[in-house]
Amino acid sequence: MQSFYCTPLTNAEPMEPQINKLIEANHNLETIGCGVNDKTLAYIIIMALSDTLLMLQTVLFNKDNTAITSEAVISQILADEERRVNISGGTATAYFMKAGKKVSNNKSRGNQQDKKKCSYCKKKNHEAHEC
């Protein structure tokens, strides 16, 4: 159940297989009587979008409530992904490799941020020009 409610959808990998895992988790929950209805599934998918897809998440949340279905949400997410790949000018494989590197670089930058120490006040997590 945790994988259903806490799995983030990242743009570092193709969206369709990630979304399919959420749908499969819901089907598994349905077999034990704990599945969710289609509208709730749609909102769970929207909430699972990573912070890098905040604009898409906002657009989806602001849709007319009667228009929210898992099929409509998935369709819009996949169309947005296709648009981002086309804008990148490369292949889908190249796009996801580049997006994956950005995610791993941001993680390592976070670790570097924790190790910074100010040369002025000697406190951690910032530098002298930020003091």
Protein backbone atom coordinates (compact mmCIF):
# COMPACT_ATOMS: atom_id res chain seq x y z
CA MET A 1 0.00 0.00 0.00
CA GLN A 2 2.90 2.35 0.74
CA SER A 3 4.22 1.97 -2.81
CA PHE A 4 0.82 3.06 -4.10
CA TYR A 5 0.57 6.25 -2.05
CA CYS A 6 4.26 7.21 -1.76
CA THR A 7 5.80 6.46 -5.17
CA PRO A 8 6.98 9.63 -6.92
CA LEU A 9 6.77 9.92 -10.71
CA THR A 10 10.07 11.28 -11.96
CA ASN A 11 10.89 12.75 -15.35
CA ALA A 12 14.22 10.89 -15.29
CA GLU A 13 12.43 7.79 -16.60
CA PRO A 14 9.59 7.27 -19.06
CA MET A 15 6.26 8.08 -17.39
CA GLU A 16 4.14 5.28 -18.83
CA PRO A 17 5.84 2.39 -16.97
CA GLN A 18 5.84 4.41 -13.75
CA ILE A 19 2.12 5.15 -14.07
CA ASN A 20 1.44 1.51 -14.96
CA LYS A 21 3.03 0.49 -11.64
CA LEU A 22 0.57 2.75 -9.80
CA ILE A 23 -2.35 1.31 -11.74
CA GLU A 24 -1.13 -2.23 -11.03
CA ALA A 25 -0.79 -1.40 -7.32
CA ASN A 26 -4.40 -0.15 -7.34
CA HIS A 27 -5.55 -3.38 -9.00
CA ASN A 28 -3.69 -5.37 -6.33
CA LEU A 29 -5.40 -3.31 -3.64
CA GLU A 30 -8.78 -3.88 -5.32
CA THR A 31 -8.30 -7.64 -4.96
CA ILE A 32 -8.26 -7.21 -1.19
CA GLY A 33 -11.06 -4.65 -1.20
CA CYS A 34 -8.87 -1.57 -0.69
CA GLY A 35 -8.68 -0.08 -4.19
CA VAL A 36 -9.63 3.50 -4.95
CA ASN A 37 -12.13 4.89 -7.45
CA ASP A 38 -11.01 6.39 -10.75
CA LYS A 39 -11.13 10.04 -9.64
CA THR A 40 -9.05 9.29 -6.54
CA LEU A 41 -6.56 7.36 -8.68
CA ALA A 42 -6.30 10.39 -10.95
CA TYR A 43 -5.49 12.66 -7.99
CA ILE A 44 -2.95 10.16 -6.61
CA ILE A 45 -1.20 10.17 -10.00
CA ILE A 46 -1.17 13.99 -10.03
CA MET A 47 0.20 14.17 -6.49
CA ALA A 48 2.92 11.65 -7.39
CA LEU A 49 4.42 14.00 -10.00
CA SER A 50 7.87 15.17 -8.93
CA ASP A 51 8.71 18.79 -8.07
CA THR A 52 10.28 19.23 -11.50
CA LEU A 53 6.79 18.82 -12.96
CA LEU A 54 5.13 21.33 -10.67
CA MET A 55 3.64 23.38 -13.53
CA LEU A 56 1.98 20.28 -15.00
CA GLN A 57 0.74 19.31 -11.56
CA THR A 58 -0.79 22.77 -11.09
CA VAL A 59 -2.51 22.62 -14.49
CA LEU A 60 -3.97 19.20 -13.71
CA PHE A 61 -5.16 20.24 -10.24
CA ASN A 62 -6.92 23.26 -11.70
CA LYS A 63 -8.94 21.28 -14.23
CA ASP A 64 -12.70 21.13 -13.89
CA ASN A 65 -13.40 18.48 -11.23
CA THR A 66 -15.88 16.71 -13.50
CA ALA A 67 -13.16 16.34 -16.18
CA ILE A 68 -10.74 14.57 -13.85
CA THR A 69 -10.35 10.94 -14.81
CA SER A 70 -7.27 8.76 -14.62
CA GLU A 71 -7.37 8.35 -18.41
CA ALA A 72 -7.46 12.13 -19.00
CA VAL A 73 -4.66 12.76 -16.48
CA ILE A 74 -2.45 10.02 -17.92
CA SER A 75 -3.07 11.31 -21.44
CA GLN A 76 -2.02 14.84 -20.46
CA ILE A 77 1.08 13.61 -18.60
CA LEU A 78 2.20 11.53 -21.58
CA ALA A 79 1.52 14.40 -24.00
CA ASP A 80 3.59 16.73 -21.80
CA GLU A 81 6.40 14.18 -21.69
CA GLU A 82 6.34 13.88 -25.48
CA ARG A 83 6.45 17.69 -25.77
CA ARG A 84 9.49 17.88 -23.45
CA VAL A 85 11.31 15.17 -25.44
CA ASN A 86 10.56 16.97 -28.73
CA ILE A 87 11.75 20.31 -27.35
CA SER A 88 15.02 18.70 -26.23
CA GLY A 89 15.78 18.05 -29.90
CA GLY A 90 17.17 14.58 -29.25
CA THR A 91 15.85 11.10 -28.88
CA ALA A 92 13.73 9.94 -25.96
CA THR A 93 16.66 7.85 -24.70
CA ALA A 94 18.96 10.88 -24.71
CA TYR A 95 16.32 12.99 -22.96
CA PHE A 96 15.88 10.49 -20.11
CA MET A 97 19.63 10.02 -19.72
CA LYS A 98 20.05 13.80 -19.41
CA ALA A 99 17.10 14.10 -16.99
CA GLY A 100 18.52 11.24 -14.91
CA LYS A 101 21.87 13.01 -14.66
CA LYS A 102 20.15 16.20 -13.47
CA VAL A 103 18.41 14.27 -10.69
CA SER A 104 21.65 12.64 -9.53
CA ASN A 105 23.55 15.97 -9.77
CA ASN A 106 20.91 17.69 -7.64
CA LYS A 107 21.28 14.97 -5.00
CA SER A 108 25.06 15.41 -4.91
CA ARG A 109 24.67 19.22 -4.76
CA GLY A 110 22.47 18.78 -1.71
CA ASN A 111 25.27 16.85 -0.03
CA GLN A 112 27.78 19.56 -0.98
CA GLN A 113 25.47 22.20 0.47
CA ASP A 114 25.49 20.36 3.81
CA LYS A 115 29.30 20.34 3.85
CA LYS A 116 29.77 24.08 3.14
CA LYS A 117 31.19 26.14 5.98
CA CYS A 118 31.24 29.92 6.14
CA SER A 119 34.74 31.41 6.32
CA TYR A 120 33.31 34.47 8.11
CA CYS A 121 31.12 33.12 10.94
CA LYS A 122 32.37 29.49 10.78
CA LYS A 123 28.79 28.12 10.68
CA LYS A 124 27.78 25.35 8.29
CA ASN A 125 25.43 25.33 5.30
CA HIS A 126 26.39 28.66 3.75
CA GLU A 127 29.36 30.68 2.51
CA ALA A 128 30.71 34.09 3.50
CA HIS A 129 29.02 35.95 0.63
CA GLU A 130 25.68 34.56 1.90
CA CYS A 131 26.33 35.54 5.51
